[in-house]
Amino acid sequence: MRLDTRNLERVQSRIREIQDLIGETTAPRKPAEGSAFAEVLAAVESGKKEEEAKKTKTLSPGIPGMVRPSSGAASKESWEQAIRKSAEKHGVEESLVRAVMAVESGGRPDAVSPKGAIGLMQLMPGTAADMGVDDPFDPEQNIEGGVKYLSLLTDKYGEDKEKILAAYNAGPARVDAVGGIPSIPETQRYVENVMARYRRLKGGG
């Protein structure tokens, strides 16, 4: 008795067709390039990446890799404590620290100057590193670094606050070169402004 293989082949062929159809309906399809859906999907994915980048960090202008703190990173009350603590620790007058901070940054912990000075006490990255400051945007670290630097300048120039302030602004080398305030208009204005603020604070103003 011979088997009719034609029916068997038709059945097998039909099974393969059904399997192919099932595979097409269950496999996820990639949208064709240039299609409206593909464009929308790309836009959504791009938006997600941008949002994640914003959440991760915001770079400060002119300082590659430097991260700005989010608003409210530290309270002003903690800055006040940091000023008192650092001033006492390093033997620097609170009034001088506050005067420098007011003129340098106006009390803004996220301030960045065109030259790259950072934070409340406007520390240059090199000075911040020398003073042991890991994050110059952290108000407490920034204050500690600035007061420590003022203390070192006080050790060098004694009670001559004008030289101390000139060195803080222009660098000790320039002060030493002329034996006083360098003839740099910015530095001269800076010393005048800080000294005026310092006198008002000392007088209770």
C-alpha atoms as a PDB file:
ATOM      1  CA  MET A   1       0.000   0.000   0.000  1.00  0.00           C
ATOM      2  CA  ARG A   2       1.527   3.335  -1.084  1.00  0.00           C
ATOM      3  CA  LEU A   3       1.122   6.458   1.004  1.00  0.00           C
ATOM      4  CA  ASP A   4      -0.013   9.575  -0.740  1.00  0.00           C
ATOM      5  CA  THR A   5       2.786  11.967   0.241  1.00  0.00           C
ATOM      6  CA  ARG A   6       1.216  14.907  -1.563  1.00  0.00           C
ATOM      7  CA  ASN A   7      -1.329  15.485   1.191  1.00  0.00           C
ATOM      8  CA  LEU A   8       1.400  15.200   3.819  1.00  0.00           C
ATOM      9  CA  GLU A   9       3.554  17.787   2.016  1.00  0.00           C
ATOM     10  CA  ARG A  10       0.581  20.172   1.763  1.00  0.00           C
ATOM     11  CA  VAL A  11      -0.059  19.823   5.487  1.00  0.00           C
ATOM     12  CA  GLN A  12       3.595  20.455   6.336  1.00  0.00           C
ATOM     13  CA  SER A  13       3.702  23.464   4.008  1.00  0.00           C
ATOM     14  CA  ARG A  14       0.598  24.887   5.677  1.00  0.00           C
ATOM     15  CA  ILE A  15       2.157  24.388   9.125  1.00  0.00           C
ATOM     16  CA  ARG A  16       5.233  26.312   8.027  1.00  0.00           C
ATOM     17  CA  GLU A  17       3.067  29.160   6.711  1.00  0.00           C
ATOM     18  CA  ILE A  18       1.216  29.372  10.031  1.00  0.00           C
ATOM     19  CA  GLN A  19       4.499  29.356  11.971  1.00  0.00           C
ATOM     20  CA  ASP A  20       5.838  32.173   9.782  1.00  0.00           C
ATOM     21  CA  LEU A  21       2.687  34.217  10.396  1.00  0.00           C
ATOM     22  CA  ILE A  22       2.913  33.682  14.156  1.00  0.00           C
ATOM     23  CA  GLY A  23       6.559  34.744  14.153  1.00  0.00           C
ATOM     24  CA  GLU A  24       5.758  37.975  12.284  1.00  0.00           C
ATOM     25  CA  THR A  25       2.961  38.988  14.671  1.00  0.00           C
ATOM     26  CA  THR A  26       4.901  38.303  17.885  1.00  0.00           C
ATOM     27  CA  ALA A  27       8.341  39.668  16.942  1.00  0.00           C
ATOM     28  CA  PRO A  28       8.763  43.362  17.775  1.00  0.00           C
ATOM     29  CA  ARG A  29       9.094  45.444  14.673  1.00  0.00           C
ATOM     30  CA  LYS A  30      11.632  48.213  14.388  1.00  0.00           C
ATOM     31  CA  PRO A  31      10.050  51.335  12.928  1.00  0.00           C
ATOM     32  CA  ALA A  32      11.223  52.122   9.448  1.00  0.00           C
ATOM     33  CA  GLU A  33      13.738  54.926   9.211  1.00  0.00           C
ATOM     34  CA  GLY A  34      12.102  58.159   8.179  1.00  0.00           C
ATOM     35  CA  SER A  35       8.650  57.103   9.352  1.00  0.00           C
ATOM     36  CA  ALA A  36       6.644  59.467  11.577  1.00  0.00           C
ATOM     37  CA  PHE A  37       6.709  56.962  14.436  1.00  0.00           C
ATOM     38  CA  ALA A  38      10.502  56.622  14.188  1.00  0.00           C
ATOM     39  CA  GLU A  39      10.908  60.386  14.390  1.00  0.00           C
ATOM     40  CA  VAL A  40       8.671  60.639  17.461  1.00  0.00           C
ATOM     41  CA  LEU A  41      10.519  57.772  19.158  1.00  0.00           C
ATOM     42  CA  ALA A  42      13.884  59.405  18.460  1.00  0.00           C
ATOM     43  CA  ALA A  43      12.646  62.714  19.865  1.00  0.00           C
ATOM     44  CA  VAL A  44      11.408  61.046  23.058  1.00  0.00           C
ATOM     45  CA  GLU A  45      14.691  59.192  23.566  1.00  0.00           C
ATOM     46  CA  SER A  46      16.667  62.395  22.949  1.00  0.00           C
ATOM     47  CA  GLY A  47      14.533  64.257  25.480  1.00  0.00           C
ATOM     48  CA  LYS A  48      15.141  61.552  28.081  1.00  0.00           C
ATOM     49  CA  LYS A  49      18.905  61.762  27.563  1.00  0.00           C
ATOM     50  CA  GLU A  50      18.882  65.550  27.924  1.00  0.00           C
ATOM     51  CA  GLU A  51      16.796  65.335  31.094  1.00  0.00           C
ATOM     52  CA  GLU A  52      19.147  62.753  32.599  1.00  0.00           C
ATOM     53  CA  ALA A  53      22.141  64.941  31.748  1.00  0.00           C
ATOM     54  CA  LYS A  54      20.536  67.897  33.532  1.00  0.00           C
ATOM     55  CA  LYS A  55      19.837  65.787  36.606  1.00  0.00           C
ATOM     56  CA  THR A  56      23.388  64.446  36.671  1.00  0.00           C
ATOM     57  CA  LYS A  57      25.322  67.700  36.644  1.00  0.00           C
ATOM     58  CA  THR A  58      25.495  71.277  35.418  1.00  0.00           C
ATOM     59  CA  LEU A  59      28.931  72.440  34.420  1.00  0.00           C
ATOM     60  CA  SER A  60      30.129  75.851  35.454  1.00  0.00           C
ATOM     61  CA  PRO A  61      31.173  78.157  32.587  1.00  0.00           C
ATOM     62  CA  GLY A  62      34.881  78.223  31.880  1.00  0.00           C
ATOM     63  CA  ILE A  63      35.742  75.430  34.324  1.00  0.00           C
ATOM     64  CA  PRO A  64      35.603  72.031  32.563  1.00  0.00           C
ATOM     65  CA  GLY A  65      34.312  69.321  34.849  1.00  0.00           C
ATOM     66  CA  MET A  66      33.466  71.669  37.709  1.00  0.00           C
ATOM     67  CA  VAL A  67      30.035  70.942  39.089  1.00  0.00           C
ATOM     68  CA  ARG A  68      27.673  73.598  40.333  1.00  0.00           C
ATOM     69  CA  PRO A  69      25.722  72.779  43.474  1.00  0.00           C
ATOM     70  CA  SER A  70      21.964  72.581  43.338  1.00  0.00           C
ATOM     71  CA  SER A  71      20.113  75.478  44.958  1.00  0.00           C
ATOM     72  CA  GLY A  72      19.834  75.085  48.701  1.00  0.00           C
ATOM     73  CA  ALA A  73      22.961  72.904  48.942  1.00  0.00           C
ATOM     74  CA  ALA A  74      23.652  74.540  52.307  1.00  0.00           C
ATOM     75  CA  SER A  75      21.718  76.977  54.456  1.00  0.00           C
ATOM     76  CA  LYS A  76      22.904  80.502  55.223  1.00  0.00           C
ATOM     77  CA  GLU A  77      22.807  79.573  58.914  1.00  0.00           C
ATOM     78  CA  SER A  78      25.506  76.961  58.267  1.00  0.00           C
ATOM     79  CA  TRP A  79      27.631  79.622  56.528  1.00  0.00           C
ATOM     80  CA  GLU A  80      27.382  81.837  59.592  1.00  0.00           C
ATOM     81  CA  GLN A  81      28.603  78.976  61.748  1.00  0.00           C
ATOM     82  CA  ALA A  82      31.403  78.258  59.270  1.00  0.00           C
ATOM     83  CA  ILE A  83      32.545  81.905  59.354  1.00  0.00           C
ATOM     84  CA  ARG A  84      32.685  81.974  63.135  1.00  0.00           C
ATOM     85  CA  LYS A  85      34.336  78.568  63.373  1.00  0.00           C
ATOM     86  CA  SER A  86      36.982  79.219  60.695  1.00  0.00           C
ATOM     87  CA  ALA A  87      37.738  82.749  61.890  1.00  0.00           C
ATOM     88  CA  GLU A  88      38.326  81.513  65.423  1.00  0.00           C
ATOM     89  CA  LYS A  89      40.335  78.518  64.249  1.00  0.00           C
ATOM     90  CA  HIS A  90      42.722  80.553  62.083  1.00  0.00           C
ATOM     91  CA  GLY A  91      42.812  83.751  64.152  1.00  0.00           C
ATOM     92  CA  VAL A  92      41.251  86.003  61.510  1.00  0.00           C
ATOM     93  CA  GLU A  93      38.747  88.739  62.357  1.00  0.00           C
ATOM     94  CA  GLU A  94      35.166  87.831  61.478  1.00  0.00           C
ATOM     95  CA  SER A  95      34.632  91.368  60.211  1.00  0.00           C
ATOM     96  CA  LEU A  96      37.450  90.963  57.706  1.00  0.00           C
ATOM     97  CA  VAL A  97      36.126  87.608  56.510  1.00  0.00           C
ATOM     98  CA  ARG A  98      32.628  89.024  56.049  1.00  0.00           C
ATOM     99  CA  ALA A  99      33.945  92.098  54.243  1.00  0.00           C
ATOM    100  CA  VAL A 100      35.986  89.973  51.833  1.00  0.00           C
ATOM    101  CA  MET A 101      33.047  87.661  51.193  1.00  0.00           C
ATOM    102  CA  ALA A 102      30.652  90.552  50.548  1.00  0.00           C
ATOM    103  CA  VAL A 103      32.940  92.214  48.004  1.00  0.00           C
ATOM    104  CA  GLU A 104      34.129  88.976  46.403  1.00  0.00           C
ATOM    105  CA  SER A 105      30.801  87.249  45.745  1.00  0.00           C
ATOM    106  CA  GLY A 106      27.983  89.232  47.330  1.00  0.00           C
ATOM    107  CA  GLY A 107      27.298  86.147  49.436  1.00  0.00           C
ATOM    108  CA  ARG A 108      26.624  83.832  46.476  1.00  0.00           C
ATOM    109  CA  PRO A 109      28.043  80.303  46.886  1.00  0.00           C
ATOM    110  CA  ASP A 110      27.608  79.557  43.157  1.00  0.00           C
ATOM    111  CA  ALA A 111      29.438  82.687  41.956  1.00  0.00           C
ATOM    112  CA  VAL A 112      32.043  82.123  39.231  1.00  0.00           C
ATOM    113  CA  SER A 113      34.156  85.014  37.971  1.00  0.00           C
ATOM    114  CA  PRO A 114      35.289  85.399  34.333  1.00  0.00           C
ATOM    115  CA  LYS A 115      38.788  84.434  35.528  1.00  0.00           C
ATOM    116  CA  GLY A 116      37.517  81.238  37.164  1.00  0.00           C
ATOM    117  CA  ALA A 117      37.361  82.253  40.840  1.00  0.00           C
ATOM    118  CA  ILE A 118      34.745  80.186  42.649  1.00  0.00           C
ATOM    119  CA  GLY A 119      32.228  80.484  45.450  1.00  0.00           C
ATOM    120  CA  LEU A 120      31.693  82.764  48.438  1.00  0.00           C
ATOM    121  CA  MET A 121      35.363  83.662  48.935  1.00  0.00           C
ATOM    122  CA  GLN A 122      36.127  83.476  45.180  1.00  0.00           C
ATOM    123  CA  LEU A 123      38.925  80.945  45.389  1.00  0.00           C
ATOM    124  CA  MET A 124      40.922  80.210  42.257  1.00  0.00           C
ATOM    125  CA  PRO A 125      41.079  76.447  41.605  1.00  0.00           C
ATOM    126  CA  GLY A 126      44.817  76.347  42.387  1.00  0.00           C
ATOM    127  CA  THR A 127      44.385  78.237  45.655  1.00  0.00           C
ATOM    128  CA  ALA A 128      41.450  76.027  46.618  1.00  0.00           C
ATOM    129  CA  ALA A 129      43.589  72.928  46.076  1.00  0.00           C
ATOM    130  CA  ASP A 130      46.476  74.426  48.076  1.00  0.00           C
ATOM    131  CA  MET A 131      44.094  75.146  50.962  1.00  0.00           C
ATOM    132  CA  GLY A 132      42.788  71.553  50.931  1.00  0.00           C
ATOM    133  CA  VAL A 133      39.374  72.421  49.468  1.00  0.00           C
ATOM    134  CA  ASP A 134      37.913  69.477  47.542  1.00  0.00           C
ATOM    135  CA  ASP A 135      34.687  71.203  46.464  1.00  0.00           C
ATOM    136  CA  PRO A 136      34.986  74.999  46.234  1.00  0.00           C
ATOM    137  CA  PHE A 137      31.231  75.243  45.588  1.00  0.00           C
ATOM    138  CA  ASP A 138      30.548  73.836  49.045  1.00  0.00           C
ATOM    139  CA  PRO A 139      30.044  76.977  51.184  1.00  0.00           C
ATOM    140  CA  GLU A 140      31.631  75.580  54.337  1.00  0.00           C
ATOM    141  CA  GLN A 141      34.706  74.253  52.509  1.00  0.00           C
ATOM    142  CA  ASN A 142      35.011  77.478  50.530  1.00  0.00           C
ATOM    143  CA  ILE A 143      34.874  79.637  53.664  1.00  0.00           C
ATOM    144  CA  GLU A 144      37.415  77.426  55.419  1.00  0.00           C
ATOM    145  CA  GLY A 145      39.775  77.689  52.437  1.00  0.00           C
ATOM    146  CA  GLY A 146      39.355  81.464  52.124  1.00  0.00           C
ATOM    147  CA  VAL A 147      39.898  82.111  55.838  1.00  0.00           C
ATOM    148  CA  LYS A 148      42.924  79.813  55.883  1.00  0.00           C
ATOM    149  CA  TYR A 149      44.403  81.787  52.982  1.00  0.00           C
ATOM    150  CA  LEU A 150      43.723  85.090  54.772  1.00  0.00           C
ATOM    151  CA  SER A 151      45.475  83.636  57.823  1.00  0.00           C
ATOM    152  CA  LEU A 152      48.580  82.756  55.806  1.00  0.00           C
ATOM    153  CA  LEU A 153      48.634  86.245  54.305  1.00  0.00           C
ATOM    154  CA  THR A 154      48.278  87.714  57.800  1.00  0.00           C
ATOM    155  CA  ASP A 155      51.289  85.702  58.935  1.00  0.00           C
ATOM    156  CA  LYS A 156      53.220  87.150  55.989  1.00  0.00           C
ATOM    157  CA  TYR A 157      52.137  90.800  56.185  1.00  0.00           C
ATOM    158  CA  GLY A 158      51.252  91.168  59.868  1.00  0.00           C
ATOM    159  CA  GLU A 159      48.553  93.738  60.603  1.00  0.00           C
ATOM    160  CA  ASP A 160      48.884  95.494  57.236  1.00  0.00           C
ATOM    161  CA  LYS A 161      45.389  94.717  55.999  1.00  0.00           C
ATOM    162  CA  GLU A 162      45.819  96.617  52.755  1.00  0.00           C
ATOM    163  CA  LYS A 163      48.719  94.366  51.777  1.00  0.00           C
ATOM    164  CA  ILE A 164      46.753  91.302  52.901  1.00  0.00           C
ATOM    165  CA  LEU A 165      43.788  92.280  50.742  1.00  0.00           C
ATOM    166  CA  ALA A 166      45.940  93.256  47.773  1.00  0.00           C
ATOM    167  CA  ALA A 167      47.677  89.874  47.952  1.00  0.00           C
ATOM    168  CA  TYR A 168      44.316  88.101  48.241  1.00  0.00           C
ATOM    169  CA  ASN A 169      43.198  89.822  45.045  1.00  0.00           C
ATOM    170  CA  ALA A 170      46.347  90.063  42.926  1.00  0.00           C
ATOM    171  CA  GLY A 171      48.661  87.511  44.523  1.00  0.00           C
ATOM    172  CA  PRO A 172      51.573  87.899  46.972  1.00  0.00           C
ATOM    173  CA  ALA A 173      54.183  88.076  44.195  1.00  0.00           C
ATOM    174  CA  ARG A 174      52.753  91.327  42.827  1.00  0.00           C
ATOM    175  CA  VAL A 175      52.510  92.848  46.292  1.00  0.00           C
ATOM    176  CA  ASP A 176      56.084  91.867  47.123  1.00  0.00           C
ATOM    177  CA  ALA A 177      57.335  93.235  43.794  1.00  0.00           C
ATOM    178  CA  VAL A 178      56.193  96.780  44.661  1.00  0.00           C
ATOM    179  CA  GLY A 179      56.168  96.535  48.450  1.00  0.00           C
ATOM    180  CA  GLY A 180      52.504  97.449  48.664  1.00  0.00           C
ATOM    181  CA  ILE A 181      49.313  97.684  46.612  1.00  0.00           C
ATOM    182  CA  PRO A 182      50.143  97.134  42.929  1.00  0.00           C
ATOM    183  CA  SER A 183      49.106  99.825  40.459  1.00  0.00           C
ATOM    184  CA  ILE A 184      46.278  97.667  39.155  1.00  0.00           C
ATOM    185  CA  PRO A 185      42.977  99.589  39.106  1.00  0.00           C
ATOM    186  CA  GLU A 186      40.933  96.484  39.898  1.00  0.00           C
ATOM    187  CA  THR A 187      43.117  95.652  42.919  1.00  0.00           C
ATOM    188  CA  GLN A 188      43.113  99.247  44.161  1.00  0.00           C
ATOM    189  CA  ARG A 189      39.298  99.422  43.986  1.00  0.00           C
ATOM    190  CA  TYR A 190      39.070  96.025  45.648  1.00  0.00           C
ATOM    191  CA  VAL A 191      41.196  97.069  48.619  1.00  0.00           C
ATOM    192  CA  GLU A 192      39.223 100.296  49.026  1.00  0.00           C
ATOM    193  CA  ASN A 193      35.862  98.509  48.895  1.00  0.00           C
ATOM    194  CA  VAL A 194      36.820  95.749  51.321  1.00  0.00           C
ATOM    195  CA  MET A 195      38.392  98.190  53.772  1.00  0.00           C
ATOM    196  CA  ALA A 196      35.283 100.396  53.659  1.00  0.00           C
ATOM    197  CA  ARG A 197      33.067  97.389  54.341  1.00  0.00           C
ATOM    198  CA  TYR A 198      35.408  96.178  57.087  1.00  0.00           C
ATOM    199  CA  ARG A 199      35.313  99.550  58.874  1.00  0.00           C
ATOM    200  CA  ARG A 200      31.502  99.624  58.741  1.00  0.00           C
ATOM    201  CA  LEU A 201      31.309  96.129  60.199  1.00  0.00           C
ATOM    202  CA  LYS A 202      33.808  96.997  62.925  1.00  0.00           C
ATOM    203  CA  GLY A 203      31.766 100.078  63.750  1.00  0.00           C
ATOM    204  CA  GLY A 204      28.566  98.040  63.981  1.00  0.00           C
ATOM    205  CA  GLY A 205      27.188  99.310  60.678  1.00  0.00           C
END
